[in-house]
N, C-alpha and C. Protein backbone atom coordinates (compact mmCIF):
# COMPACT_ATOMS: atom_id res chain seq x y z
N UNK A 1 16.30 27.77 -69.86
CA UNK A 1 16.48 29.21 -69.90
C UNK A 1 17.30 29.61 -68.66
N UNK A 2 18.40 30.28 -68.90
CA UNK A 2 19.27 30.67 -67.78
C UNK A 2 18.87 32.04 -67.21
N UNK A 3 19.50 32.40 -66.11
CA UNK A 3 19.15 33.62 -65.40
C UNK A 3 19.39 34.88 -66.24
N UNK A 4 20.46 34.90 -67.00
CA UNK A 4 20.74 36.08 -67.85
C UNK A 4 19.63 36.27 -68.86
N UNK A 5 19.13 35.20 -69.44
CA UNK A 5 18.03 35.29 -70.40
C UNK A 5 16.77 35.82 -69.73
N UNK A 6 16.47 35.34 -68.54
CA UNK A 6 15.27 35.78 -67.82
C UNK A 6 15.36 37.27 -67.48
N UNK A 7 16.51 37.70 -66.98
CA UNK A 7 16.71 39.11 -66.64
C UNK A 7 16.63 39.98 -67.90
N UNK A 8 17.20 39.52 -68.98
CA UNK A 8 17.16 40.27 -70.24
C UNK A 8 15.73 40.40 -70.74
N UNK A 9 14.96 39.35 -70.65
CA UNK A 9 13.55 39.41 -71.07
C UNK A 9 12.79 40.41 -70.18
N UNK A 10 13.08 40.40 -68.89
CA UNK A 10 12.46 41.39 -68.00
C UNK A 10 12.83 42.81 -68.39
N UNK A 11 14.10 43.02 -68.73
CA UNK A 11 14.56 44.33 -69.18
C UNK A 11 13.86 44.72 -70.48
N UNK A 12 13.69 43.77 -71.39
CA UNK A 12 13.00 44.05 -72.65
C UNK A 12 11.56 44.50 -72.41
N UNK A 13 10.89 43.84 -71.49
CA UNK A 13 9.51 44.22 -71.17
C UNK A 13 9.46 45.63 -70.58
N UNK A 14 10.37 45.91 -69.66
CA UNK A 14 10.45 47.24 -69.07
C UNK A 14 10.70 48.30 -70.13
N UNK A 15 11.65 48.06 -71.00
CA UNK A 15 11.97 49.03 -72.06
C UNK A 15 10.81 49.18 -73.05
N UNK A 16 10.11 48.08 -73.33
CA UNK A 16 8.96 48.15 -74.24
C UNK A 16 7.88 49.07 -73.66
N UNK A 17 7.65 49.00 -72.35
CA UNK A 17 6.67 49.91 -71.74
C UNK A 17 7.16 51.35 -71.83
N UNK A 18 8.46 51.55 -71.72
CA UNK A 18 9.01 52.90 -71.87
C UNK A 18 8.78 53.43 -73.28
N UNK A 19 9.00 52.59 -74.28
CA UNK A 19 8.83 53.02 -75.67
C UNK A 19 7.37 53.36 -75.94
N UNK A 20 6.45 52.52 -75.49
CA UNK A 20 5.02 52.80 -75.69
C UNK A 20 4.64 54.11 -75.02
N UNK A 21 5.13 54.31 -73.79
CA UNK A 21 4.83 55.54 -73.08
C UNK A 21 5.38 56.76 -73.81
N UNK A 22 6.64 56.69 -74.22
CA UNK A 22 7.25 57.85 -74.88
C UNK A 22 6.62 58.17 -76.23
N UNK A 23 6.24 57.14 -76.99
CA UNK A 23 5.61 57.40 -78.29
C UNK A 23 4.15 57.84 -78.17
N UNK A 24 3.39 57.24 -77.26
CA UNK A 24 1.95 57.45 -77.25
C UNK A 24 1.43 58.25 -76.06
N UNK A 25 2.17 58.29 -74.96
CA UNK A 25 1.76 59.02 -73.75
C UNK A 25 2.95 59.77 -73.15
N UNK A 26 3.59 60.64 -73.93
CA UNK A 26 4.83 61.27 -73.44
C UNK A 26 4.65 62.10 -72.19
N UNK A 27 3.47 62.64 -71.97
CA UNK A 27 3.24 63.46 -70.78
C UNK A 27 2.97 62.67 -69.52
N UNK A 28 3.02 61.35 -69.61
CA UNK A 28 2.76 60.49 -68.46
C UNK A 28 3.82 60.67 -67.38
N UNK A 29 3.39 60.44 -66.16
CA UNK A 29 4.34 60.48 -65.04
C UNK A 29 4.83 59.08 -64.69
N UNK A 30 4.47 58.10 -65.50
CA UNK A 30 4.85 56.71 -65.27
C UNK A 30 5.70 56.20 -66.43
N UNK A 31 6.44 55.12 -66.19
CA UNK A 31 7.22 54.43 -67.23
C UNK A 31 8.17 55.37 -67.96
N UNK A 32 8.84 56.24 -67.22
CA UNK A 32 9.80 57.20 -67.77
C UNK A 32 9.19 58.23 -68.72
N UNK A 33 7.89 58.48 -68.56
CA UNK A 33 7.29 59.58 -69.31
C UNK A 33 7.87 60.90 -68.82
N UNK A 34 7.79 61.92 -69.64
CA UNK A 34 8.42 63.20 -69.27
C UNK A 34 7.47 64.12 -68.51
N UNK A 35 6.29 63.61 -68.13
CA UNK A 35 5.37 64.39 -67.34
C UNK A 35 5.89 64.72 -65.96
N UNK A 36 6.94 64.04 -65.52
CA UNK A 36 7.57 64.34 -64.23
C UNK A 36 8.23 65.71 -64.24
N UNK A 37 8.59 66.17 -65.40
CA UNK A 37 9.31 67.44 -65.52
C UNK A 37 8.33 68.59 -65.74
N UNK A 38 8.43 69.62 -64.92
CA UNK A 38 7.58 70.80 -65.09
C UNK A 38 7.83 71.45 -66.45
N UNK A 39 9.03 71.27 -66.96
CA UNK A 39 9.39 71.89 -68.24
C UNK A 39 8.56 71.33 -69.40
N UNK A 40 8.04 70.10 -69.27
CA UNK A 40 7.19 69.54 -70.33
C UNK A 40 5.98 70.43 -70.54
N UNK A 41 5.30 70.79 -69.47
CA UNK A 41 4.12 71.66 -69.57
C UNK A 41 4.52 73.07 -70.00
N UNK A 42 5.63 73.57 -69.47
CA UNK A 42 6.10 74.90 -69.84
C UNK A 42 6.44 74.97 -71.33
N UNK A 43 6.97 73.89 -71.87
CA UNK A 43 7.37 73.91 -73.29
C UNK A 43 6.16 74.03 -74.21
N UNK A 44 4.99 73.65 -73.72
CA UNK A 44 3.77 73.73 -74.55
C UNK A 44 3.38 75.17 -74.84
N UNK A 45 3.88 76.10 -74.06
CA UNK A 45 3.58 77.53 -74.28
C UNK A 45 4.28 78.07 -75.53
N UNK A 46 5.38 77.45 -75.90
CA UNK A 46 6.14 77.86 -77.08
C UNK A 46 6.17 76.69 -78.05
N UNK A 47 5.38 76.75 -79.13
CA UNK A 47 5.29 75.60 -80.04
C UNK A 47 6.63 75.16 -80.62
N UNK A 48 7.53 76.09 -80.87
CA UNK A 48 8.83 75.73 -81.43
C UNK A 48 9.65 74.91 -80.42
N UNK A 49 9.66 75.35 -79.18
CA UNK A 49 10.38 74.62 -78.13
C UNK A 49 9.70 73.27 -77.89
N UNK A 50 8.37 73.26 -77.87
CA UNK A 50 7.66 72.00 -77.62
C UNK A 50 7.93 70.98 -78.73
N UNK A 51 8.00 71.44 -79.97
CA UNK A 51 8.34 70.52 -81.07
C UNK A 51 9.75 69.95 -80.88
N UNK A 52 10.66 70.78 -80.41
CA UNK A 52 12.02 70.31 -80.15
C UNK A 52 12.03 69.26 -79.03
N UNK A 53 11.29 69.53 -77.97
CA UNK A 53 11.21 68.59 -76.85
C UNK A 53 10.57 67.29 -77.32
N UNK A 54 9.50 67.37 -78.12
CA UNK A 54 8.87 66.15 -78.64
C UNK A 54 9.85 65.38 -79.53
N UNK A 55 10.64 66.10 -80.32
CA UNK A 55 11.65 65.46 -81.15
C UNK A 55 12.63 64.66 -80.27
N UNK A 56 13.10 65.27 -79.20
CA UNK A 56 14.04 64.59 -78.30
C UNK A 56 13.40 63.37 -77.63
N UNK A 57 12.16 63.50 -77.22
CA UNK A 57 11.45 62.38 -76.60
C UNK A 57 11.32 61.23 -77.60
N UNK A 58 10.96 61.54 -78.83
CA UNK A 58 10.84 60.50 -79.86
C UNK A 58 12.19 59.91 -80.23
N UNK A 59 13.23 60.71 -80.18
CA UNK A 59 14.58 60.21 -80.44
C UNK A 59 14.97 59.18 -79.38
N UNK A 60 14.69 59.49 -78.11
CA UNK A 60 14.98 58.55 -77.03
C UNK A 60 14.18 57.26 -77.22
N UNK A 61 12.90 57.39 -77.56
CA UNK A 61 12.07 56.20 -77.79
C UNK A 61 12.63 55.36 -78.93
N UNK A 62 13.08 56.00 -80.00
CA UNK A 62 13.66 55.28 -81.13
C UNK A 62 14.95 54.56 -80.75
N UNK A 63 15.75 55.21 -79.93
CA UNK A 63 16.99 54.58 -79.45
C UNK A 63 16.67 53.36 -78.60
N UNK A 64 15.68 53.48 -77.74
CA UNK A 64 15.27 52.34 -76.92
C UNK A 64 14.74 51.21 -77.80
N UNK A 65 14.04 51.54 -78.86
CA UNK A 65 13.51 50.54 -79.77
C UNK A 65 14.64 49.78 -80.46
N UNK A 66 15.69 50.49 -80.85
CA UNK A 66 16.87 49.83 -81.44
C UNK A 66 17.47 48.87 -80.42
N UNK A 67 17.62 49.31 -79.19
CA UNK A 67 18.14 48.48 -78.11
C UNK A 67 17.31 47.20 -77.96
N UNK A 68 15.99 47.36 -77.93
CA UNK A 68 15.08 46.22 -77.76
C UNK A 68 15.26 45.22 -78.89
N UNK A 69 15.26 45.70 -80.10
CA UNK A 69 15.36 44.79 -81.26
C UNK A 69 16.71 44.08 -81.30
N UNK A 70 17.77 44.79 -80.97
CA UNK A 70 19.08 44.13 -80.91
C UNK A 70 19.13 43.06 -79.82
N UNK A 71 18.53 43.34 -78.69
CA UNK A 71 18.50 42.34 -77.62
C UNK A 71 17.68 41.11 -78.01
N UNK A 72 16.61 41.31 -78.73
CA UNK A 72 15.82 40.17 -79.20
C UNK A 72 16.65 39.30 -80.12
N UNK A 73 17.39 39.93 -81.03
CA UNK A 73 18.26 39.17 -81.93
C UNK A 73 19.33 38.42 -81.13
N UNK A 74 19.92 39.09 -80.15
CA UNK A 74 20.94 38.45 -79.33
C UNK A 74 20.36 37.26 -78.58
N UNK A 75 19.19 37.44 -77.98
CA UNK A 75 18.57 36.33 -77.24
C UNK A 75 18.27 35.15 -78.16
N UNK A 76 17.87 35.45 -79.37
CA UNK A 76 17.48 34.40 -80.30
C UNK A 76 18.68 33.65 -80.88
N UNK A 77 19.79 34.34 -81.07
CA UNK A 77 20.91 33.74 -81.82
C UNK A 77 22.18 33.49 -81.01
N UNK A 78 22.30 34.08 -79.83
CA UNK A 78 23.59 34.07 -79.12
C UNK A 78 23.84 32.79 -78.35
N UNK A 79 25.12 32.48 -78.22
CA UNK A 79 25.53 31.38 -77.34
C UNK A 79 25.68 31.94 -75.92
N UNK A 80 26.02 31.08 -74.96
CA UNK A 80 26.09 31.49 -73.56
C UNK A 80 27.13 32.57 -73.31
N UNK A 81 28.27 32.48 -73.95
CA UNK A 81 29.32 33.49 -73.75
C UNK A 81 28.85 34.86 -74.24
N UNK A 82 28.21 34.90 -75.39
CA UNK A 82 27.71 36.18 -75.92
C UNK A 82 26.63 36.74 -75.00
N UNK A 83 25.79 35.88 -74.44
CA UNK A 83 24.77 36.34 -73.50
C UNK A 83 25.41 36.98 -72.26
N UNK A 84 26.49 36.41 -71.79
CA UNK A 84 27.18 36.98 -70.63
C UNK A 84 27.75 38.35 -70.97
N UNK A 85 28.41 38.46 -72.11
CA UNK A 85 28.96 39.76 -72.52
C UNK A 85 27.84 40.78 -72.76
N UNK A 86 26.73 40.34 -73.31
CA UNK A 86 25.58 41.23 -73.51
C UNK A 86 25.03 41.70 -72.17
N UNK A 87 25.00 40.80 -71.19
CA UNK A 87 24.55 41.18 -69.85
C UNK A 87 25.45 42.23 -69.23
N UNK A 88 26.75 42.08 -69.40
CA UNK A 88 27.70 43.08 -68.89
C UNK A 88 27.48 44.42 -69.59
N UNK A 89 27.29 44.38 -70.90
CA UNK A 89 27.03 45.62 -71.65
C UNK A 89 25.75 46.29 -71.17
N UNK A 90 24.73 45.50 -70.87
CA UNK A 90 23.48 46.06 -70.36
C UNK A 90 23.69 46.73 -69.00
N UNK A 91 24.44 46.08 -68.13
CA UNK A 91 24.70 46.66 -66.81
C UNK A 91 25.42 47.99 -66.96
N UNK A 92 26.39 48.07 -67.82
CA UNK A 92 27.12 49.33 -68.04
C UNK A 92 26.20 50.41 -68.60
N UNK A 93 25.37 50.04 -69.58
CA UNK A 93 24.47 51.04 -70.17
C UNK A 93 23.41 51.50 -69.18
N UNK A 94 22.92 50.60 -68.35
CA UNK A 94 21.93 50.98 -67.33
C UNK A 94 22.59 51.85 -66.27
N UNK A 95 23.83 51.56 -65.94
CA UNK A 95 24.55 52.37 -64.96
C UNK A 95 24.68 53.82 -65.42
N UNK A 96 24.79 54.03 -66.72
CA UNK A 96 24.89 55.40 -67.22
C UNK A 96 23.61 56.18 -66.94
N UNK A 97 22.47 55.49 -66.93
CA UNK A 97 21.21 56.14 -66.58
C UNK A 97 21.28 56.66 -65.14
N UNK A 98 21.71 55.81 -64.22
CA UNK A 98 21.76 56.21 -62.82
C UNK A 98 22.85 57.24 -62.54
N UNK A 99 23.88 57.25 -63.38
CA UNK A 99 24.98 58.19 -63.20
C UNK A 99 24.61 59.59 -63.68
N UNK A 100 23.95 59.69 -64.85
CA UNK A 100 23.72 61.00 -65.45
C UNK A 100 22.25 61.42 -65.49
N UNK A 101 21.35 60.53 -65.86
CA UNK A 101 19.96 60.94 -66.08
C UNK A 101 19.12 60.95 -64.81
N UNK A 102 19.22 59.91 -64.00
CA UNK A 102 18.39 59.84 -62.80
C UNK A 102 18.58 61.05 -61.88
N UNK A 103 19.81 61.54 -61.69
CA UNK A 103 19.95 62.73 -60.83
C UNK A 103 19.20 63.97 -61.36
N UNK A 104 18.96 64.03 -62.65
CA UNK A 104 18.23 65.17 -63.20
C UNK A 104 16.74 65.13 -62.86
N UNK A 105 16.24 63.92 -62.61
CA UNK A 105 14.82 63.80 -62.27
C UNK A 105 14.60 64.37 -60.89
């Protein structure tokens, strides 16, 4: 097992905890739960807005689930060159989190 595979498995575990948190404990302040945002609690005052926020949270969790499943397929079937390109793609996608989403927290 090479280093890219080990790092990818670590990323998969991290993302899996995010998916579980977002689907089952969205108000959590851990594992990228949205409880960090005061707006989560404020949205509960308006059921229509809260349903919209829950929809967005579930959409993010579903997107992460797609990512996880695709990575599992890549790990299972890919050759070394594909693993390297997948690693580069992961770095770029993770960088987008730090560029746009993390500053909002």
